[in-house]
Amino acid sequence: MAAYHQTGRGINMQAGENLPLQILVWQACRLLSLPIMPVVIFDGASRPTTKRGHRVKTAPHALLAAYMQLLKDLGFQTYIAPGEAEAELSQLNARGLIDAVLTDDVDAFLFGATYGDYVSVFTSKAIQKHTKTRLTPARIFLIAVLSGGDYSRGLKGCGIEIAHQLSLGTTLGEDLYAAVHNYSSTELSSFLEEWCKRLRRELVDNPHQALRQCQPALAQKVVQGFPSPKVLRAYLHPITSLSNGSTPEINSKIRTPDLAAVAVWCEKYFSWGTRGVILDRFQNNVWGGICVRSLIKPVDTASAIAAHFAACQPVSFRPSILHVYRAALGPGPGAKKPNTWGYSVQVEPHSFIVATLSRLTPEARQLGNAQPRKNFTVWIPAPILKRAYPKLVMNFPVPIQAVKPSILSANDGSAPGSSSNPIDVDDINEEDGGDNENTHEALVPADGAMFGPPTRLKHESRQKRRKTRPHRLRLPVLDMANQKQARKPSVKKKKKNEAAQLKTLADIAHENVAKYNKVIHTNAAYNGSIRRGKEFLAKLIAQRKEDRIIVCEQGIPTDELEKALDNPPNQYSAMVVEMFIAQKCVVEGCQQQVAESIHAAFCQYWDAMDGTKYAGDYKLNKVTNEVSGCPARAPCVLAIKKAMQTRGKATNATRKHAEALSIEDERKLMQ
């Protein structure tokens, strides 16, 4: 979960509707829309106090109690682990109590997880068998010890590549892994002395040819006390609920979200009900997930009726689906590379509106009932809708599509966790039954089913089919009565001695620089970013005026904040750009390119304002509050842009362990 956090300047509670907690709400709503049963676990009091050389706060977070209450109202199971939450989840996964771990930290496999997912899917078995990795738990352990992890900085100067080479070409990892598991403290200390001698010998002489070149300088850094037995045991024996032999109870049943309780919670922290926006927010973020979960869970009619009249239990109901209007890949937009077939359906909102408003104040209910009611659209996975309403989808079959598996294959030479690539249905040739070098075999879901063995079809390459198609002769259309008009128009020749005056040439040069200095599409994109930034500020100002905020707790006057994007810029201009990037990239989940585009747009915006008065590096006179230079180049704006770039590397690029586990730039965004 991510929360935007900044101390001393910029974001405040009024500015973003309790923004840190709101971001957590959107993350929870995202999980609610998926056909899974989330188990959300938080760090406990016995978690390590130091990670990567930095002190870690062990006191409960100020938002913890409120957020856990929201998760329970949404039907999620949640509890506080004795130690580190990641180790707790990994142990639950290793025991088969949960199916996967949602994380961006590879330490999950070090703690024992077998199945992890952030954007791509990784399994421990596939990582062991893959030709490029061949990582067993013992080898992952050695890499963490040498190149560094959460609990130590590792061997100074030893990168992940050298550690990986040693893990594959020697038995250092296997021997150390077994010793930590089986030896007592005294036996482990004696073992480590001999183990360090072996490590030095491998680095200096390279007897097993594990390294590409010898590393004598690195061998001198293997000093007494490395590795620390305490660190070794922290990796292999983390404190979890299973440490004392007990097993936490994990409920795998789908729980019905208490929609009324969620509405009361959001009214308490965001005032959505009294501001008259709660139905709009719930329709866009909450109701769709409840639709999916209600279709998964069988409806107990007697219990539902009793709960309805008792008015004290969450009511389980099936959504009023009006019709199916499209079959589409999901979840999410095309930019997220969805790979599961499903249906976009229209849902009538009456039952959701009644449940949402049922426990709010009369004033909030009146404002909610005054909002226009309109049907909303939900994407539902094909197997779920087909099982719940088989007749509804009988005449609306899912198109036959071939989807490459996204899970890392043992013999796949591609990068681990590569995303799925659906194949166009037009590429499938049902008449072709022969085997030849131009025929490709693809996995195709049979009748839209996502479970069980897939059906296999043959399809020709698009290139071959195009070659076999008959050539269509295209003839020009001629008007025989007007052949003269059909002739190619003559081109007016330029006069050889035609010259322009110096002033005319200068004007032409300035005009073309202004017109073509940026690509037309780039200018349009920049103008769009500026327009959306001003719209964002206008909504923010309208909200503050509605709440009658003249000067907020941070001392920011509303009338001065309103002029932040005007000419000239003021002391709050940089803060508004920073807030806008946080809104788009953190709250709305846009990619790093959006942050870069916003930054570039506002740089051009202020660079061209009043000549070159506001171009160059940003400076703020704290005495007079006068701005010189470009506010988009302020340190706070550059910091959040760099943080979004780092986050993009962590999710899209081939990650190195140290980079993924020490994201200093995201500490102001990720809690």
Foldseek 3Di string as FASTA:
>chain_A
DWFFFDPQDFDDCLLCLHGRVLLLVLVLLVVLLDPAADEAEAAAQAADQAWARDGDDSDDDPCVVLSVVLCVLSQHHYDYWHGHPLLQVLVCQQVVVDPEAEDLAPLSVLSHHAWYDDLFTEGQVLQCLAPVHVDDSLLVLQLCQACHGTPYNHQPPDFSVNSRLCSVQHCLSVVLLVCLVPPDPVVNLVVVVVSLVVVQCCQAVVPSVSDPDHHNVSNVSSDPCRPPSVVSCCRHPPRGPPNVPDDDDDDRAGDQRQLQVSLVSCCVRRVCLLVLCVVVVCLVRPPQSNQQSLLVHDADVVVLVVCVVVVPDRHRDHFAWDAWDDWDFDDDDVVSVGDFIWTKTKTFCPVVLCSHCVPDDPSSNVSNVPDDGDIGIHTYGHVSCCVRPVPRCVVPWHQKKFKDDQQNHSHDPDDGRDGIDIDDSVQADQVDDDDDPQKDKTFIADRSDPDDGTDIGIGGGPVVVVVPDDDDDDDDDDDVVPNVVVDDDDDDDDDPPDDDDPVVVVVVVVVCCVVVVDDPVLVVLLVVLLVVLLVSLVVSLVSCVVVPPQADPSRDGSVLSNCCSPPPHFLCVLSSLLVSLCCVCSSVPDALVSLVSSLVSQQVVQCPHPPRQADDAWDADPVVRDIGHGSSNDPSSVLVSVLRVLVNCSPPPDDTNVSNRDSPSCPSIGD
